[in-house]
C-alpha cells in the first residue's frame, strides 16, 4: 500500500518544483540549500513519480552523453503539496 501522506523530504522536492518549468535532480540538490543530498533526491523523485506526483521527460543535452530527466509537478503533486501544508499547519508542525 502506498502512503497517502508526503514525508518532509517529499514535500521539499514538491516545493522546489512548484512554480518552476521543471528542474533536473542536481538543480534541486543545489536549490535545497543542503536539505537534499544527491542520492536522496533521486530516490525521492522516483518514488514521487511512481505515485504520479511528479513526471519526468528526457532532455537531450548539447554535449555528448545520455539525456537527463527534467522533473515537473503534476496536478496530483500540487494537490498533495497543498493538502500537506494544510495538515502541517493544523497540527502546528
PDB file of N, CA and C in Angstrom:
ATOM      1  N   UNK A   1       0.838  -1.191   0.000  1.00  0.00           N
ATOM      2  CA  UNK A   1       0.000   0.000   0.000  1.00  0.00           C
ATOM      3  C   UNK A   1       0.880   1.251   0.000  1.00  0.00           C
ATOM      4  N   UNK A   2       0.489   2.228  -0.776  1.00  0.00           N
ATOM      5  CA  UNK A   2       1.246   3.479  -0.873  1.00  0.00           C
ATOM      6  C   UNK A   2       0.781   4.430   0.220  1.00  0.00           C
ATOM      7  N   UNK A   3       1.733   5.038   0.887  1.00  0.00           N
ATOM      8  CA  UNK A   3       1.435   6.009   1.925  1.00  0.00           C
ATOM      9  C   UNK A   3       0.776   7.236   1.286  1.00  0.00           C
ATOM     10  N   UNK A   4      -0.431   7.631   1.754  1.00  0.00           N
ATOM     11  CA  UNK A   4      -1.110   8.777   1.140  1.00  0.00           C
ATOM     12  C   UNK A   4      -0.531  10.120   1.564  1.00  0.00           C
ATOM     13  N   UNK A   5       0.378  10.136   2.515  1.00  0.00           N
ATOM     14  CA  UNK A   5       0.953  11.378   3.009  1.00  0.00           C
ATOM     15  C   UNK A   5       2.368  11.554   2.481  1.00  0.00           C
ATOM     16  N   UNK A   6       2.804  12.791   2.415  1.00  0.00           N
ATOM     17  CA  UNK A   6       4.157  13.086   1.946  1.00  0.00           C
ATOM     18  C   UNK A   6       5.094  13.240   3.134  1.00  0.00           C
ATOM     19  N   UNK A   7       6.311  12.747   2.986  1.00  0.00           N
ATOM     20  CA  UNK A   7       7.342  12.936   4.005  1.00  0.00           C
ATOM     21  C   UNK A   7       7.915  14.344   3.874  1.00  0.00           C
ATOM     22  N   UNK A   8       8.720  14.760   4.843  1.00  0.00           N
ATOM     23  CA  UNK A   8       9.348  16.082   4.772  1.00  0.00           C
ATOM     24  C   UNK A   8      10.233  16.206   3.534  1.00  0.00           C
ATOM     25  N   UNK A   9      10.941  15.135   3.202  1.00  0.00           N
ATOM     26  CA  UNK A   9      11.808  15.158   2.017  1.00  0.00           C
ATOM     27  C   UNK A   9      10.965  15.273   0.751  1.00  0.00           C
ATOM     28  N   UNK A  10       9.877  14.514   0.687  1.00  0.00           N
ATOM     29  CA  UNK A  10       8.997  14.598  -0.477  1.00  0.00           C
ATOM     30  C   UNK A  10       8.406  16.000  -0.614  1.00  0.00           C
ATOM     31  N   UNK A  11       8.013  16.569   0.513  1.00  0.00           N
ATOM     32  CA  UNK A  11       7.471  17.929   0.478  1.00  0.00           C
ATOM     33  C   UNK A  11       8.508  18.934  -0.014  1.00  0.00           C
ATOM     34  N   UNK A  12       9.760  18.758   0.394  1.00  0.00           N
ATOM     35  CA  UNK A  12      10.824  19.655  -0.056  1.00  0.00           C
ATOM     36  C   UNK A  12      10.958  19.585  -1.574  1.00  0.00           C
ATOM     37  N   UNK A  13      10.930  18.383  -2.130  1.00  0.00           N
ATOM     38  CA  UNK A  13      11.036  18.216  -3.581  1.00  0.00           C
ATOM     39  C   UNK A  13       9.832  18.849  -4.274  1.00  0.00           C
ATOM     40  N   UNK A  14       8.632  18.604  -3.755  1.00  0.00           N
ATOM     41  CA  UNK A  14       7.427  19.195  -4.353  1.00  0.00           C
ATOM     42  C   UNK A  14       7.478  20.712  -4.295  1.00  0.00           C
ATOM     43  N   UNK A  15       7.952  21.263  -3.174  1.00  0.00           N
ATOM     44  CA  UNK A  15       8.076  22.716  -3.036  1.00  0.00           C
ATOM     45  C   UNK A  15       9.062  23.288  -4.052  1.00  0.00           C
ATOM     46  N   UNK A  16      10.171  22.594  -4.251  1.00  0.00           N
ATOM     47  CA  UNK A  16      11.174  23.068  -5.206  1.00  0.00           C
ATOM     48  C   UNK A  16      10.610  23.087  -6.627  1.00  0.00           C
ATOM     49  N   UNK A  17       9.769  22.120  -6.946  1.00  0.00           N
ATOM     50  CA  UNK A  17       9.209  22.037  -8.295  1.00  0.00           C
ATOM     51  C   UNK A  17       8.048  23.002  -8.509  1.00  0.00           C
ATOM     52  N   UNK A  18       7.411  23.410  -7.438  1.00  0.00           N
ATOM     53  CA  UNK A  18       6.257  24.294  -7.562  1.00  0.00           C
ATOM     54  C   UNK A  18       6.662  25.604  -8.218  1.00  0.00           C
ATOM     55  N   UNK A  19       5.932  25.982  -9.232  1.00  0.00           N
ATOM     56  CA  UNK A  19       6.191  27.247  -9.915  1.00  0.00           C
ATOM     57  C   UNK A  19       7.352  27.223 -10.896  1.00  0.00           C
ATOM     58  N   UNK A  20       8.006  26.078 -11.029  1.00  0.00           N
ATOM     59  CA  UNK A  20       9.131  26.011 -11.982  1.00  0.00           C
ATOM     60  C   UNK A  20       8.647  25.377 -13.290  1.00  0.00           C
ATOM     61  N   UNK A  21       9.400  25.622 -14.325  1.00  0.00           N
ATOM     62  CA  UNK A  21       9.123  24.988 -15.619  1.00  0.00           C
ATOM     63  C   UNK A  21       9.655  23.561 -15.643  1.00  0.00           C
ATOM     64  N   UNK A  22      10.336  23.186 -14.577  1.00  0.00           N
ATOM     65  CA  UNK A  22      10.953  21.874 -14.468  1.00  0.00           C
ATOM     66  C   UNK A  22      12.367  22.026 -13.956  1.00  0.00           C
ATOM     67  N   UNK A  23      12.829  20.983 -13.289  1.00  0.00           N
ATOM     68  CA  UNK A  23      14.185  21.015 -12.740  1.00  0.00           C
ATOM     69  C   UNK A  23      14.830  19.649 -12.917  1.00  0.00           C
ATOM     70  N   UNK A  24      16.141  19.673 -13.046  1.00  0.00           N
ATOM     71  CA  UNK A  24      16.926  18.452 -13.025  1.00  0.00           C
ATOM     72  C   UNK A  24      17.205  18.098 -11.565  1.00  0.00           C
ATOM     73  N   UNK A  25      17.480  16.842 -11.299  1.00  0.00           N
ATOM     74  CA  UNK A  25      17.748  16.402  -9.940  1.00  0.00           C
ATOM     75  C   UNK A  25      18.856  17.185  -9.254  1.00  0.00           C
ATOM     76  N   UNK A  26      19.959  17.400  -9.954  1.00  0.00           N
ATOM     77  CA  UNK A  26      21.074  18.132  -9.340  1.00  0.00           C
ATOM     78  C   UNK A  26      20.735  19.599  -9.088  1.00  0.00           C
ATOM     79  N   UNK A  27      19.862  20.161  -9.916  1.00  0.00           N
ATOM     80  CA  UNK A  27      19.403  21.532  -9.656  1.00  0.00           C
ATOM     81  C   UNK A  27      18.652  21.594  -8.325  1.00  0.00           C
ATOM     82  N   UNK A  28      17.836  20.562  -8.076  1.00  0.00           N
ATOM     83  CA  UNK A  28      17.082  20.512  -6.822  1.00  0.00           C
ATOM     84  C   UNK A  28      18.013  20.385  -5.627  1.00  0.00           C
ATOM     85  N   UNK A  29      19.055  19.570  -5.775  1.00  0.00           N
ATOM     86  CA  UNK A  29      20.022  19.400  -4.692  1.00  0.00           C
ATOM     87  C   UNK A  29      20.650  20.747  -4.366  1.00  0.00           C
ATOM     88  N   UNK A  30      21.082  21.474  -5.382  1.00  0.00           N
ATOM     89  CA  UNK A  30      21.702  22.787  -5.173  1.00  0.00           C
ATOM     90  C   UNK A  30      20.705  23.786  -4.591  1.00  0.00           C
ATOM     91  N   UNK A  31      19.489  23.795  -5.126  1.00  0.00           N
ATOM     92  CA  UNK A  31      18.473  24.760  -4.696  1.00  0.00           C
ATOM     93  C   UNK A  31      17.952  24.483  -3.289  1.00  0.00           C
ATOM     94  N   UNK A  32      18.169  23.282  -2.792  1.00  0.00           N
ATOM     95  CA  UNK A  32      17.638  22.917  -1.474  1.00  0.00           C
ATOM     96  C   UNK A  32      18.448  23.505  -0.324  1.00  0.00           C
ATOM     97  N   UNK A  33      19.591  24.072  -0.625  1.00  0.00           N
ATOM     98  CA  UNK A  33      20.424  24.648   0.432  1.00  0.00           C
ATOM     99  C   UNK A  33      20.940  23.606   1.410  1.00  0.00           C
ATOM    100  N   UNK A  34      21.242  22.438   0.919  1.00  0.00           N
ATOM    101  CA  UNK A  34      21.799  21.386   1.769  1.00  0.00           C
ATOM    102  C   UNK A  34      20.762  20.465   2.393  1.00  0.00           C
ATOM    103  N   UNK A  35      19.488  20.709   2.140  1.00  0.00           N
ATOM    104  CA  UNK A  35      18.448  19.859   2.725  1.00  0.00           C
ATOM    105  C   UNK A  35      18.265  18.551   1.972  1.00  0.00           C
ATOM    106  N   UNK A  36      18.682  18.518   0.705  1.00  0.00           N
ATOM    107  CA  UNK A  36      18.617  17.292  -0.098  1.00  0.00           C
ATOM    108  C   UNK A  36      20.018  16.866  -0.483  1.00  0.00           C
ATOM    109  N   UNK A  37      20.264  15.603  -0.412  1.00  0.00           N
ATOM    110  CA  UNK A  37      21.509  15.023  -0.906  1.00  0.00           C
ATOM    111  C   UNK A  37      21.218  14.374  -2.256  1.00  0.00           C
ATOM    112  N   UNK A  38      22.233  14.197  -3.051  1.00  0.00           N
ATOM    113  CA  UNK A  38      22.061  13.656  -4.403  1.00  0.00           C
ATOM    114  C   UNK A  38      21.304  12.329  -4.409  1.00  0.00           C
ATOM    115  N   UNK A  39      21.750  11.363  -3.637  1.00  0.00           N
ATOM    116  CA  UNK A  39      21.103  10.046  -3.622  1.00  0.00           C
ATOM    117  C   UNK A  39      19.672  10.114  -3.126  1.00  0.00           C
ATOM    118  N   UNK A  40      19.446  10.908  -2.096  1.00  0.00           N
ATOM    119  CA  UNK A  40      18.104  11.061  -1.540  1.00  0.00           C
ATOM    120  C   UNK A  40      17.165  11.700  -2.561  1.00  0.00           C
ATOM    121  N   UNK A  41      17.651  12.684  -3.278  1.00  0.00           N
ATOM    122  CA  UNK A  41      16.821  13.384  -4.260  1.00  0.00           C
ATOM    123  C   UNK A  41      16.323  12.420  -5.330  1.00  0.00           C
ATOM    124  N   UNK A  42      17.216  11.605  -5.873  1.00  0.00           N
ATOM    125  CA  UNK A  42      16.806  10.720  -6.964  1.00  0.00           C
ATOM    126  C   UNK A  42      15.901   9.588  -6.489  1.00  0.00           C
ATOM    127  N   UNK A  43      16.137   9.070  -5.305  1.00  0.00           N
ATOM    128  CA  UNK A  43      15.245   8.043  -4.744  1.00  0.00           C
ATOM    129  C   UNK A  43      13.865   8.648  -4.511  1.00  0.00           C
ATOM    130  N   UNK A  44      13.839   9.841  -3.954  1.00  0.00           N
ATOM    131  CA  UNK A  44      12.574  10.526  -3.680  1.00  0.00           C
ATOM    132  C   UNK A  44      11.838  10.854  -4.974  1.00  0.00           C
ATOM    133  N   UNK A  45      12.553  11.334  -5.974  1.00  0.00           N
ATOM    134  CA  UNK A  45      11.927  11.632  -7.266  1.00  0.00           C
ATOM    135  C   UNK A  45      11.318  10.378  -7.887  1.00  0.00           C
ATOM    136  N   UNK A  46      12.014   9.257  -7.794  1.00  0.00           N
ATOM    137  CA  UNK A  46      11.483   8.002  -8.317  1.00  0.00           C
ATOM    138  C   UNK A  46      10.204   7.591  -7.608  1.00  0.00           C
ATOM    139  N   UNK A  47      10.206   7.726  -6.298  1.00  0.00           N
ATOM    140  CA  UNK A  47       9.027   7.381  -5.507  1.00  0.00           C
ATOM    141  C   UNK A  47       7.858   8.310  -5.846  1.00  0.00           C
ATOM    142  N   UNK A  48       8.127   9.606  -5.970  1.00  0.00           N
ATOM    143  CA  UNK A  48       7.076  10.559  -6.309  1.00  0.00           C
ATOM    144  C   UNK A  48       6.530  10.326  -7.716  1.00  0.00           C
ATOM    145  N   UNK A  49       7.404   9.922  -8.622  1.00  0.00           N
ATOM    146  CA  UNK A  49       6.955   9.640  -9.984  1.00  0.00           C
ATOM    147  C   UNK A  49       6.069   8.397 -10.007  1.00  0.00           C
ATOM    148  N   UNK A  50       6.431   7.373  -9.242  1.00  0.00           N
ATOM    149  CA  UNK A  50       5.595   6.172  -9.145  1.00  0.00           C
ATOM    150  C   UNK A  50       4.202   6.511  -8.627  1.00  0.00           C
ATOM    151  N   UNK A  51       4.131   7.472  -7.731  1.00  0.00           N
ATOM    152  CA  UNK A  51       2.853   7.875  -7.139  1.00  0.00           C
ATOM    153  C   UNK A  51       2.092   8.879  -8.008  1.00  0.00           C
ATOM    154  N   UNK A  52       2.700   9.321  -9.114  1.00  0.00           N
ATOM    155  CA  UNK A  52       2.031  10.252 -10.014  1.00  0.00           C
ATOM    156  C   UNK A  52       2.059  11.696  -9.549  1.00  0.00           C
ATOM    157  N   UNK A  53       2.963  12.016  -8.622  1.00  0.00           N
ATOM    158  CA  UNK A  53       3.038  13.375  -8.089  1.00  0.00           C
ATOM    159  C   UNK A  53       4.010  14.252  -8.863  1.00  0.00           C
ATOM    160  N   UNK A  54       4.964  13.625  -9.539  1.00  0.00           N
ATOM    161  CA  UNK A  54       5.860  14.325 -10.465  1.00  0.00           C
ATOM    162  C   UNK A  54       5.944  13.496 -11.736  1.00  0.00           C
ATOM    163  N   UNK A  55       6.354  14.152 -12.792  1.00  0.00           N
ATOM    164  CA  UNK A  55       6.608  13.419 -14.037  1.00  0.00           C
ATOM    165  C   UNK A  55       7.945  13.891 -14.586  1.00  0.00           C
ATOM    166  N   UNK A  56       8.536  13.040 -15.394  1.00  0.00           N
ATOM    167  CA  UNK A  56       9.826  13.401 -15.980  1.00  0.00           C
ATOM    168  C   UNK A  56       9.780  13.180 -17.482  1.00  0.00           C
ATOM    169  N   UNK A  57      10.633  13.919 -18.147  1.00  0.00           N
ATOM    170  CA  UNK A  57      10.847  13.690 -19.576  1.00  0.00           C
ATOM    171  C   UNK A  57      12.329  13.857 -19.835  1.00  0.00           C
ATOM    172  N   UNK A  58      12.831  13.050 -20.742  1.00  0.00           N
ATOM    173  CA  UNK A  58      14.260  13.085 -21.045  1.00  0.00           C
ATOM    174  C   UNK A  58      14.564  14.238 -21.986  1.00  0.00           C
ATOM    175  N   UNK A  59      15.589  14.992 -21.620  1.00  0.00           N
ATOM    176  CA  UNK A  59      16.027  16.155 -22.406  1.00  0.00           C
ATOM    177  C   UNK A  59      17.428  15.867 -22.925  1.00  0.00           C
ATOM    178  N   UNK A  60      17.578  15.989 -24.241  1.00  0.00           N
ATOM    179  CA  UNK A  60      18.908  15.823 -24.837  1.00  0.00           C
ATOM    180  C   UNK A  60      19.789  16.998 -24.458  1.00  0.00           C
ATOM    181  N   UNK A  61      21.018  16.696 -24.171  1.00  0.00           N
ATOM    182  CA  UNK A  61      21.995  17.719 -23.821  1.00  0.00           C
ATOM    183  C   UNK A  61      22.780  18.114 -25.063  1.00  0.00           C
ATOM    184  N   UNK A  62      23.334  19.315 -25.042  1.00  0.00           N
ATOM    185  CA  UNK A  62      24.149  19.780 -26.171  1.00  0.00           C
ATOM    186  C   UNK A  62      25.449  19.010 -26.269  1.00  0.00           C
ATOM    187  N   UNK A  63      25.952  18.577 -25.124  1.00  0.00           N
ATOM    188  CA  UNK A  63      27.205  17.836 -25.134  1.00  0.00           C
ATOM    189  C   UNK A  63      26.912  16.344 -25.276  1.00  0.00           C
ATOM    190  N   UNK A  64      27.906  15.553 -25.667  1.00  0.00           N
ATOM    191  CA  UNK A  64      27.679  14.121 -25.784  1.00  0.00           C
ATOM    192  C   UNK A  64      27.327  13.522 -24.426  1.00  0.00           C
ATOM    193  N   UNK A  65      26.540  12.512 -24.458  1.00  0.00           N
ATOM    194  CA  UNK A  65      26.140  11.855 -23.225  1.00  0.00           C
ATOM    195  C   UNK A  65      24.671  11.500 -23.256  1.00  0.00           C
ATOM    196  N   UNK A  66      24.235  10.922 -22.183  1.00  0.00           N
ATOM    197  CA  UNK A  66      22.855  10.484 -22.084  1.00  0.00           C
ATOM    198  C   UNK A  66      21.919  11.663 -21.824  1.00  0.00           C
ATOM    199  N   UNK A  67      20.681  11.566 -22.311  1.00  0.00           N
ATOM    200  CA  UNK A  67      19.698  12.597 -21.967  1.00  0.00           C
ATOM    201  C   UNK A  67      19.443  12.595 -20.460  1.00  0.00           C
ATOM    202  N   UNK A  68      19.064  13.741 -19.925  1.00  0.00           N
ATOM    203  CA  UNK A  68      18.798  13.864 -18.486  1.00  0.00           C
ATOM    204  C   UNK A  68      17.310  14.063 -18.253  1.00  0.00           C
ATOM    205  N   UNK A  69      16.780  13.480 -17.169  1.00  0.00           N
ATOM    206  CA  UNK A  69      15.359  13.681 -16.884  1.00  0.00           C
ATOM    207  C   UNK A  69      15.102  15.062 -16.273  1.00  0.00           C
ATOM    208  N   UNK A  70      14.119  15.732 -16.819  1.00  0.00           N
ATOM    209  CA  UNK A  70      13.643  17.004 -16.291  1.00  0.00           C
ATOM    210  C   UNK A  70      12.327  16.714 -15.576  1.00  0.00           C
ATOM    211  N   UNK A  71      12.229  17.115 -14.318  1.00  0.00           N
ATOM    212  CA  UNK A  71      11.073  16.789 -13.493  1.00  0.00           C
ATOM    213  C   UNK A  71      10.142  17.986 -13.363  1.00  0.00           C
ATOM    214  N   UNK A  72       8.841  17.702 -13.429  1.00  0.00           N
ATOM    215  CA  UNK A  72       7.819  18.721 -13.220  1.00  0.00           C
ATOM    216  C   UNK A  72       6.765  18.181 -12.268  1.00  0.00           C
ATOM    217  N   UNK A  73       6.060  19.097 -11.659  1.00  0.00           N
ATOM    218  CA  UNK A  73       4.999  18.774 -10.718  1.00  0.00           C
ATOM    219  C   UNK A  73       3.718  18.478 -11.491  1.00  0.00           C
ATOM    220  N   UNK A  74       3.012  17.414 -11.130  1.00  0.00           N
ATOM    221  CA  UNK A  74       1.721  17.107 -11.750  1.00  0.00           C
ATOM    222  C   UNK A  74       0.609  17.799 -10.959  1.00  0.00           C
ATOM    223  N   UNK A  75      -0.596  17.760 -11.478  1.00  0.00           N
ATOM    224  CA  UNK A  75      -1.740  18.309 -10.749  1.00  0.00           C
ATOM    225  C   UNK A  75      -1.922  17.576  -9.425  1.00  0.00           C
ATOM    226  N   UNK A  76      -1.728  16.263  -9.434  1.00  0.00           N
ATOM    227  CA  UNK A  76      -1.824  15.486  -8.192  1.00  0.00           C
ATOM    228  C   UNK A  76      -0.751  15.927  -7.198  1.00  0.00           C
ATOM    229  N   UNK A  77       0.433  16.245  -7.699  1.00  0.00           N
ATOM    230  CA  UNK A  77       1.514  16.731  -6.845  1.00  0.00           C
ATOM    231  C   UNK A  77       1.178  18.077  -6.228  1.00  0.00           C
ATOM    232  N   UNK A  78       0.548  18.947  -7.007  1.00  0.00           N
ATOM    233  CA  UNK A  78       0.132  20.255  -6.483  1.00  0.00           C
ATOM    234  C   UNK A  78      -0.901  20.078  -5.374  1.00  0.00           C
ATOM    235  N   UNK A  79      -1.847  19.163  -5.595  1.00  0.00           N
ATOM    236  CA  UNK A  79      -2.869  18.913  -4.571  1.00  0.00           C
ATOM    237  C   UNK A  79      -2.249  18.327  -3.307  1.00  0.00           C
ATOM    238  N   UNK A  80      -1.295  17.404  -3.470  1.00  0.00           N
ATOM    239  CA  UNK A  80      -0.624  16.799  -2.320  1.00  0.00           C
ATOM    240  C   UNK A  80       0.130  17.858  -1.531  1.00  0.00           C
ATOM    241  N   UNK A  81       0.814  18.733  -2.227  1.00  0.00           N
ATOM    242  CA  UNK A  81       1.575  19.789  -1.566  1.00  0.00           C
ATOM    243  C   UNK A  81       0.640  20.688  -0.761  1.00  0.00           C
ATOM    244  N   UNK A  82      -0.453  21.090  -1.350  1.00  0.00           N
ATOM    245  CA  UNK A  82      -1.400  21.956  -0.646  1.00  0.00           C
ATOM    246  C   UNK A  82      -2.037  21.238   0.543  1.00  0.00           C
ATOM    247  N   UNK A  83      -2.433  19.985   0.357  1.00  0.00           N
ATOM    248  CA  UNK A  83      -3.043  19.223   1.451  1.00  0.00           C
ATOM    249  C   UNK A  83      -2.055  19.026   2.593  1.00  0.00           C
ATOM    250  N   UNK A  84      -0.812  18.777   2.270  1.00  0.00           N
ATOM    251  CA  UNK A  84       0.212  18.579   3.299  1.00  0.00           C
ATOM    252  C   UNK A  84       0.477  19.866   4.059  1.00  0.00           C
ATOM    253  N   UNK A  85       0.486  20.975   3.364  1.00  0.00           N
ATOM    254  CA  UNK A  85       0.682  22.264   4.031  1.00  0.00           C
ATOM    255  C   UNK A  85      -0.456  22.538   5.010  1.00  0.00           C
ATOM    256  N   UNK A  86      -1.672  22.268   4.578  1.00  0.00           N
ATOM    257  CA  UNK A  86      -2.834  22.470   5.450  1.00  0.00           C
ATOM    258  C   UNK A  86      -2.725  21.561   6.671  1.00  0.00           C
ATOM    259  N   UNK A  87      -2.383  20.289   6.451  1.00  0.00           N
ATOM    260  CA  UNK A  87      -2.278  19.335   7.555  1.00  0.00           C
ATOM    261  C   UNK A  87      -1.179  19.744   8.535  1.00  0.00           C
ATOM    262  N   UNK A  88      -0.022  20.166   8.030  1.00  0.00           N
ATOM    263  CA  UNK A  88       1.071  20.589   8.914  1.00  0.00           C
ATOM    264  C   UNK A  88       0.680  21.830   9.696  1.00  0.00           C
ATOM    265  N   UNK A  89      -0.003  22.763   9.054  1.00  0.00           N
ATOM    266  CA  UNK A  89      -0.422  23.994   9.736  1.00  0.00           C
ATOM    267  C   UNK A  89      -1.457  23.709  10.815  1.00  0.00           C
ATOM    268  N   UNK A  90      -2.366  22.763  10.571  1.00  0.00           N
ATOM    269  CA  UNK A  90      -3.385  22.423  11.557  1.00  0.00           C
ATOM    270  C   UNK A  90      -2.792  21.719  12.759  1.00  0.00           C
ATOM    271  N   UNK A  91      -1.752  20.947  12.520  1.00  0.00           N
ATOM    272  CA  UNK A  91      -1.121  20.201  13.593  1.00  0.00           C
ATOM    273  C   UNK A  91       0.013  20.976  14.273  1.00  0.00           C
ATOM    274  N   UNK A  92       0.266  22.176  13.784  1.00  0.00           N
ATOM    275  CA  UNK A  92       1.304  23.016  14.381  1.00  0.00           C
ATOM    276  C   UNK A  92       2.709  22.531  14.155  1.00  0.00           C
ATOM    277  N   UNK A  93       2.934  21.798  13.073  1.00  0.00           N
ATOM    278  CA  UNK A  93       4.280  21.282  12.783  1.00  0.00           C
ATOM    279  C   UNK A  93       5.022  22.189  11.864  1.00  0.00           C
TER     280      UNK A  93
END
